[in-house]
Protein backbone atom coordinates (compact mmCIF):
# COMPACT_ATOMS: atom_id res chain seq x y z
CA MET A 1 68.87 -95.39 28.35
CA ARG A 2 72.63 -95.51 28.11
CA ILE A 3 73.92 -92.92 30.58
CA GLY A 4 77.47 -91.72 31.18
CA ILE A 5 78.74 -90.12 34.37
CA MET A 6 81.60 -87.64 34.16
CA SER A 7 82.94 -87.06 37.65
CA MET A 8 86.11 -87.17 39.72
CA GLN A 9 86.03 -90.96 39.57
CA ARG A 10 89.80 -91.35 39.08
CA ILE A 11 90.78 -89.18 42.05
CA ILE A 12 92.49 -91.20 44.81
CA ASN A 13 90.12 -90.35 47.60
CA TYR A 14 87.42 -92.25 49.51
CA GLY A 15 84.89 -89.48 49.06
CA SER A 16 85.42 -89.18 45.31
CA PHE A 17 85.11 -92.94 44.92
CA LEU A 18 81.97 -93.31 47.04
CA GLN A 19 80.05 -90.40 45.52
CA ALA A 20 80.78 -91.80 42.06
CA TYR A 21 79.80 -95.34 43.08
CA ALA A 22 76.61 -94.14 44.77
CA LEU A 23 75.51 -92.05 41.78
CA LYS A 24 76.13 -94.97 39.43
CA LYS A 25 74.11 -97.36 41.61
CA THR A 26 71.29 -94.84 42.04
CA ILE A 27 70.94 -94.25 38.30
CA GLU A 28 71.16 -98.00 37.61
CA SER A 29 68.32 -98.55 40.09
CA LEU A 30 66.17 -96.38 37.81
CA GLY A 31 66.63 -98.91 35.00
CA HIS A 32 69.50 -97.41 33.02
CA GLU A 33 72.82 -98.72 31.75
CA VAL A 34 75.63 -96.63 33.27
CA GLU A 35 79.31 -96.09 32.47
CA PHE A 36 81.93 -93.58 33.53
CA VAL A 37 83.20 -91.04 31.01
CA ASP A 38 86.66 -89.46 31.12
CA TYR A 39 87.69 -85.93 30.25
CA HIS A 40 90.94 -84.61 28.79
CA ILE A 41 92.97 -82.79 31.43
CA GLY A 42 94.21 -79.38 30.34
CA ASN A 43 96.69 -77.04 32.00
CA PRO A 44 95.38 -75.07 35.01
CA ILE A 45 94.24 -71.58 34.05
CA VAL A 46 95.04 -69.86 37.33
CA ASN A 47 98.29 -68.37 36.08
CA GLU A 48 97.23 -67.56 32.52
CA LEU A 49 96.53 -63.95 31.44
CA ASN A 50 94.46 -65.14 28.46
CA ASP A 51 95.37 -62.11 26.35
CA GLY A 52 97.31 -63.61 23.48
CA ASP A 53 100.89 -64.83 23.14
CA ASP A 54 102.58 -61.68 24.39
CA THR A 55 105.65 -61.96 26.61
CA SER A 56 103.76 -61.93 29.89
CA SER A 57 101.34 -64.62 28.69
CA LEU A 58 104.14 -66.86 27.45
CA LEU A 59 105.97 -66.47 30.75
CA SER A 60 102.78 -67.34 32.57
CA LYS A 61 102.29 -70.48 30.49
CA ALA A 62 105.91 -71.46 31.09
CA PHE A 63 105.30 -71.04 34.81
CA ASN A 64 102.34 -73.42 34.56
CA VAL A 65 104.53 -76.10 32.99
CA VAL A 66 107.14 -75.71 35.75
CA PHE A 67 104.47 -75.59 38.44
CA SER A 68 102.81 -78.75 37.13
CA LYS A 69 106.14 -80.57 37.10
CA LYS A 70 106.99 -79.45 40.63
CA TYR A 71 103.51 -80.36 41.84
CA ARG A 72 103.74 -83.86 40.45
CA GLU A 73 107.27 -84.31 41.78
CA LYS A 74 106.04 -83.25 45.23
CA ARG A 75 103.15 -85.71 45.06
CA LYS A 76 105.48 -88.50 43.96
CA SER A 77 107.89 -87.66 46.77
CA GLU A 78 105.09 -87.75 49.34
CA ILE A 79 103.99 -91.16 48.13
CA ILE A 80 107.51 -92.55 48.29
CA GLN A 81 108.24 -91.05 51.71
CA ASN A 82 104.95 -92.03 53.28
CA GLU A 83 104.70 -95.80 53.13
CA SER A 84 101.12 -95.90 54.39
CA TYR A 85 99.94 -93.48 51.72
CA GLY A 86 101.85 -95.46 49.11
CA ILE A 87 99.93 -98.61 50.06
CA TYR A 88 96.64 -96.68 50.08
CA TYR A 89 97.42 -95.17 46.66
CA ASN A 90 98.41 -98.49 45.11
CA LYS A 91 95.36 -100.32 46.46
CA PHE A 92 93.13 -97.61 45.03
CA LYS A 93 94.70 -97.94 41.60
CA SER A 94 94.90 -101.72 41.45
CA GLU A 95 91.96 -102.96 43.55
CA TRP A 96 89.37 -100.30 44.31
CA LEU A 97 88.97 -98.18 41.16
CA PRO A 98 88.11 -101.32 39.16
CA LEU A 99 85.06 -101.69 41.45
CA LEU A 100 83.70 -98.64 39.64
CA GLY A 101 84.35 -100.21 36.28
CA VAL A 102 87.21 -97.75 35.80
CA THR A 103 90.23 -99.21 33.99
CA GLU A 104 93.54 -97.84 32.75
CA LYS A 105 91.96 -97.28 29.35
CA LYS A 106 90.20 -93.92 29.21
CA ASN A 107 86.61 -93.67 27.99
CA TYR A 108 86.52 -90.41 26.04
CA ASN A 109 83.45 -89.04 24.23
CA PRO A 110 81.31 -92.20 23.95
CA ASN A 111 78.02 -92.15 22.06
CA ILE A 112 75.45 -92.11 24.87
CA ASP A 113 71.89 -90.99 25.43
CA MET A 114 72.69 -88.75 28.38
CA LEU A 115 75.77 -87.38 30.12
CA VAL A 116 75.46 -86.64 33.84
CA ILE A 117 78.23 -84.31 35.02
CA GLY A 118 78.81 -84.57 38.76
CA SER A 119 78.80 -84.79 41.57
CA ASP A 120 81.91 -83.49 43.38
CA GLU A 121 83.86 -80.36 42.36
CA VAL A 122 83.48 -80.94 38.64
CA PHE A 123 82.94 -77.21 37.98
CA ASN A 124 85.93 -76.05 40.06
CA CYS A 125 87.82 -74.73 37.04
CA THR A 126 90.09 -72.15 38.74
CA GLN A 127 92.24 -74.48 40.82
CA SER A 128 95.96 -75.09 40.56
CA ASN A 129 95.93 -78.89 40.70
CA PRO A 130 97.35 -80.13 37.37
CA ASP A 131 95.80 -83.56 37.95
CA VAL A 132 92.44 -81.87 37.30
CA GLY A 133 93.42 -78.77 35.34
CA TYR A 134 90.93 -76.89 33.21
CA SER A 135 88.79 -79.01 30.92
CA PRO A 136 85.83 -77.60 28.95
CA GLU A 137 84.63 -81.21 28.73
CA LEU A 138 83.59 -80.97 32.40
CA PHE A 139 81.05 -78.43 31.17
CA GLY A 140 79.79 -80.68 28.36
CA PHE A 141 82.03 -79.38 25.55
CA ASN A 142 82.64 -81.86 22.72
CA SER A 143 80.25 -84.42 24.18
CA ASN A 144 78.60 -87.05 21.99
CA ALA A 145 75.66 -87.33 24.38
CA ASN A 146 72.18 -86.49 23.14
CA THR A 147 71.42 -84.70 26.42
CA ILE A 148 73.61 -83.17 29.14
CA ILE A 149 72.63 -82.56 32.75
CA SER A 150 74.53 -82.12 36.00
CA TYR A 151 73.90 -83.65 39.40
CA ALA A 152 75.02 -81.98 42.67
CA ALA A 153 77.90 -80.31 40.85
CA SER A 154 80.11 -77.89 42.74
CA PHE A 155 82.29 -74.96 41.72
CA GLY A 156 84.29 -75.56 44.91
CA SER A 157 86.61 -72.61 45.51
CA THR A 158 85.83 -71.07 42.11
CA THR A 159 83.84 -67.86 42.42
CA LEU A 160 82.26 -65.36 40.02
CA GLN A 161 85.17 -63.04 40.75
CA LYS A 162 87.70 -65.70 39.72
CA LEU A 163 85.80 -66.54 36.55
CA THR A 164 85.92 -62.86 35.63
CA GLU A 165 89.58 -62.50 36.61
CA TYR A 166 90.63 -65.44 34.44
CA HIS A 167 88.38 -64.47 31.53
CA LYS A 168 86.23 -67.61 31.68
CA ARG A 169 82.90 -66.06 32.64
CA ASN A 170 81.36 -65.93 29.15
CA GLU A 171 82.76 -69.29 28.11
CA ILE A 172 81.40 -71.09 31.17
CA ALA A 173 78.04 -69.35 30.72
CA SER A 174 77.77 -70.60 27.13
CA PHE A 175 78.59 -74.16 28.22
CA LEU A 176 76.02 -74.14 31.02
CA LEU A 177 73.30 -72.86 28.70
CA SER A 178 73.64 -76.06 26.66
CA PHE A 179 72.56 -78.22 29.64
CA GLU A 180 69.01 -79.54 29.66
CA LYS A 181 68.92 -79.04 33.42
CA ILE A 182 71.42 -78.16 36.14
CA SER A 183 71.77 -79.48 39.67
CA VAL A 184 74.28 -78.13 42.19
CA ARG A 185 75.05 -78.89 45.81
CA ASP A 186 76.00 -75.56 47.42
CA LYS A 187 74.99 -71.92 47.52
CA ASN A 188 78.13 -70.60 45.80
CA SER A 189 77.49 -72.89 42.81
CA TYR A 190 73.81 -71.88 42.78
CA ILE A 191 74.75 -68.19 42.67
CA ILE A 192 77.26 -68.71 39.84
CA VAL A 193 74.82 -70.67 37.67
CA LYS A 194 72.00 -68.19 38.23
CA GLU A 195 74.22 -65.16 37.58
CA LEU A 196 75.75 -66.62 34.41
CA THR A 197 72.63 -68.13 32.87
CA GLY A 198 69.57 -66.65 34.54
CA ILE A 199 68.54 -70.22 35.39
CA GLU A 200 67.76 -71.26 38.95
CA PRO A 201 69.46 -74.64 39.33
CA THR A 202 68.12 -77.46 41.47
CA MET A 203 69.87 -78.04 44.80
CA ASN A 204 70.62 -81.70 45.52
CA VAL A 205 72.64 -83.62 48.10
CA ASP A 206 75.81 -85.62 47.56
CA PRO A 207 75.09 -89.10 46.11
CA VAL A 208 76.59 -90.81 49.18
CA LEU A 209 73.45 -89.69 51.01
CA LEU A 210 71.22 -91.35 48.41
CA TYR A 211 72.54 -94.91 48.43
CA ASP A 212 72.46 -97.22 51.46
CA PHE A 213 75.59 -99.38 50.78
CA GLU A 214 74.01 -102.13 52.91
CA LYS A 215 75.05 -104.83 50.44
CA GLU A 216 78.63 -103.57 50.32
CA ILE A 217 79.69 -102.73 53.87
CA PRO A 218 80.55 -105.32 56.54
CA SER A 219 78.33 -105.35 59.62
CA ASP A 220 81.16 -104.97 62.12
CA VAL A 221 84.76 -103.83 62.44
CA ASP A 222 87.77 -104.93 64.48
CA LEU A 223 87.75 -101.99 66.89
CA LYS A 224 85.54 -100.64 69.67
CA ASN A 225 85.43 -97.36 71.59
CA TYR A 226 87.08 -95.14 69.01
CA ILE A 227 86.99 -91.67 67.47
CA ILE A 228 87.64 -91.29 63.75
CA VAL A 229 89.94 -88.43 62.76
CA TYR A 230 89.26 -87.91 59.07
CA ALA A 231 91.29 -85.16 57.42
CA TYR A 232 93.69 -84.47 54.63
CA SER A 233 97.35 -85.02 55.38
CA GLY A 234 99.00 -82.17 57.26
CA ARG A 235 95.83 -80.16 57.93
CA ILE A 236 95.40 -81.09 61.60
CA ASN A 237 97.77 -78.78 63.47
CA ASP A 238 99.51 -79.58 66.77
CA GLU A 239 96.97 -77.68 68.87
CA GLU A 240 94.06 -79.49 67.24
CA ALA A 241 95.78 -82.86 67.58
CA LYS A 242 96.38 -82.25 71.28
CA ALA A 243 92.74 -81.30 71.90
CA ILE A 244 91.48 -84.35 70.01
CA GLN A 245 93.73 -86.71 71.94
CA GLU A 246 92.82 -85.13 75.26
CA PHE A 247 89.09 -85.56 74.56
CA ALA A 248 89.63 -89.16 73.43
CA HIS A 249 91.64 -90.23 76.43
CA LYS A 250 89.32 -88.43 78.84
CA ASN A 251 86.47 -90.51 77.43
CA ASN A 252 88.47 -93.76 77.22
CA LYS A 253 88.47 -93.78 73.43
CA LYS A 254 91.18 -94.50 70.90
CA THR A 255 91.72 -92.22 67.94
CA LEU A 256 91.67 -93.78 64.47
CA SER A 257 92.78 -92.47 61.08
CA ILE A 258 91.81 -94.28 57.89
CA GLY A 259 93.48 -94.22 54.48
CA VAL A 260 95.49 -91.06 55.12
CA ARG A 261 97.49 -91.60 58.28
CA GLN A 262 97.42 -88.90 60.95
CA SER A 263 100.69 -89.23 62.85
CA PHE A 264 99.13 -88.58 66.28
CA THR A 265 96.29 -91.13 66.17
CA ASP A 266 96.39 -94.31 68.25
CA GLU A 267 95.23 -96.56 65.43
CA TYR A 268 95.45 -96.58 61.64
CA ARG A 269 93.65 -98.65 59.01
CA CYS A 270 94.12 -98.87 55.25
CA VAL A 271 90.90 -100.51 54.08
CA ASP A 272 88.65 -100.49 51.03
CA PRO A 273 86.05 -97.70 50.75
CA PHE A 274 83.18 -99.88 51.95
CA LYS A 275 84.96 -101.05 55.08
CA MET A 276 85.89 -97.42 55.70
CA LEU A 277 82.15 -96.68 55.81
CA ALA A 278 81.71 -99.51 58.30
CA TYR A 279 84.24 -97.82 60.59
CA PHE A 280 82.22 -94.61 60.34
CA LYS A 281 78.97 -96.42 61.03
CA ASN A 282 80.40 -98.02 64.18
CA ALA A 283 82.34 -95.00 65.48
CA ASP A 284 81.53 -93.26 68.75
CA TYR A 285 82.60 -89.84 67.44
CA VAL A 286 84.11 -88.23 64.34
CA VAL A 287 86.41 -85.23 64.00
CA THR A 288 86.82 -84.12 60.39
CA ASP A 289 87.77 -81.15 58.24
CA THR A 290 86.50 -82.58 54.95
CA PHE A 291 83.24 -82.43 53.04
CA HIS A 292 82.84 -86.18 52.73
CA GLY A 293 83.93 -86.84 56.30
CA THR A 294 80.97 -84.66 57.27
CA VAL A 295 78.71 -86.46 54.77
CA PHE A 296 79.64 -89.88 56.23
CA SER A 297 78.97 -88.59 59.77
CA ILE A 298 75.55 -87.24 58.81
CA LYS A 299 74.67 -90.41 56.90
CA TYR A 300 75.33 -92.62 59.91
CA GLN A 301 74.28 -89.98 62.46
CA VAL A 302 77.49 -90.21 64.46
CA PRO A 303 78.24 -87.31 66.85
CA PHE A 304 80.83 -85.21 65.02
CA VAL A 305 82.56 -81.88 64.72
CA THR A 306 83.71 -80.27 61.51
CA LEU A 307 86.74 -78.01 61.38
CA ILE A 308 86.05 -75.63 58.50
CA ARG A 309 89.03 -74.37 56.47
CA ASP A 310 89.11 -71.41 54.11
CA SER A 311 89.39 -73.79 51.15
CA ASN A 312 86.13 -75.63 51.86
CA SER A 313 83.98 -73.17 53.80
CA ASN A 314 81.47 -72.68 50.94
CA LYS A 315 80.45 -76.29 50.50
CA LEU A 316 80.72 -77.34 54.16
CA SER A 317 78.68 -74.47 55.59
CA ASP A 318 75.85 -75.17 53.14
CA LEU A 319 75.90 -78.90 53.89
CA LEU A 320 75.71 -78.36 57.64
CA ASN A 321 73.00 -75.73 57.39
CA LYS A 322 70.84 -77.96 55.16
CA PHE A 323 70.63 -80.45 58.02
CA ASN A 324 70.38 -77.76 60.72
CA LEU A 325 73.83 -78.79 61.94
CA GLY A 326 75.66 -75.48 61.67
CA TYR A 327 76.58 -75.72 65.34
CA ARG A 328 78.76 -78.79 64.58
CA SER A 329 81.24 -76.43 62.89
CA VAL A 330 83.71 -75.49 65.61
CA SER A 331 87.04 -74.11 66.59
CA ILE A 332 89.13 -76.64 68.44
CA ASP A 333 88.34 -74.94 71.78
CA ASP A 334 84.72 -76.13 71.49
CA ILE A 335 85.35 -79.73 70.48
CA GLU A 336 84.36 -81.28 73.80
CA LEU A 337 81.23 -79.16 74.19
CA VAL A 338 79.90 -80.02 70.71
CA LEU A 339 80.87 -83.70 70.64
CA ASN A 340 78.94 -84.17 73.88
CA GLN A 341 75.77 -82.74 72.31
CA GLU A 342 73.41 -85.38 70.96
CA LEU A 343 72.33 -85.24 67.34
CA ALA A 344 68.65 -84.73 66.53
CA THR A 345 68.54 -88.02 64.66
CA SER A 346 64.85 -87.89 63.79
CA ASP A 347 65.29 -84.48 62.15
CA ILE A 348 68.33 -85.72 60.21
CA SER A 349 66.43 -88.81 59.05
CA ALA A 350 63.52 -86.69 57.84
CA CYS A 351 65.84 -84.36 55.94
CA LEU A 352 67.68 -87.31 54.39
CA GLU A 353 64.43 -88.89 53.23
CA LYS A 354 63.22 -85.62 51.71
CA SER A 355 66.58 -85.11 49.98
CA ARG A 356 66.52 -88.63 48.53
CA THR A 357 63.00 -88.15 47.19
CA GLU A 358 63.99 -84.87 45.51
CA ALA A 359 67.12 -86.43 44.01
CA ILE A 360 65.31 -89.43 42.58
CA GLU A 361 62.66 -87.13 41.09
CA TYR A 362 65.40 -85.07 39.44
CA LEU A 363 67.32 -88.09 38.11
CA ASN A 364 64.27 -90.07 36.98
CA VAL A 365 64.40 -89.00 33.35
């Protein structure tokens, strides 16, 4: 079969890249031809009133245009001001995205046997990021595929309340009802799908947990005795940074940030996504506040703590609970206590194996 994947494959982010790569490789291993499919980015809907072109609606749409411009100007400024991020960004665009088979030319609406939408936050339609925006195509609209399914899709911070508030509830429901089958990765997404469609979706893990990457990652790295600090820029506050450094130095470890530089870490590396995984695999500890930082830690069974933020509590809590690792979610006061607790690696391995079996069964169409 000729299968297309519509995901967040163009997002400049290790996690987005690796989940897309892993899903592609997993589906190819089942004997299919796979390509990535692009979607047309629309304006964010979070400021629209969706009640016609009255004055308030027009003002709201004008605000979206201004917001989008300011957002992009801010992003551009950050790239220019932060040399390390600029290098990371440029390497992604010129060297690493092509490893997915993603080129500058967009692949819109190809004639394919099946479209797989996911994984990542493909259903997160009420966010303000204009680089994603609102696109009905992420729900299968206007597809030329014979069949549409999702895999480990997430609504992210989108909730039933937000879908109602922004008048998208019925529209999203109608899109989802056209899917042959639906797979999600978190409880919030499960609840939304079931409430809108009456269908109980399948729960599957992130594709990074399916694929072994053994052919892609180097066996060793140029650093020993280190703690990875894996977080979005600016989200580790001064108190958290101090606690992380104190734990590291107490245990004779260096702190390392990868891709996105954390100003307080002892070491920094800008490496390709596969070498980044090698650093995770060889780390002594991980401190993260991201979904995929937690996924990488679980995959390689590295002692870790996850700092949960309001923006990602839905997906992170579900991920940790699936592997009976809820206790790894901490406030910074508990970092030393939790990092010093050993992981139940045999239990994690068993859960990973079960999750892989379920995923392959779902994808083996």
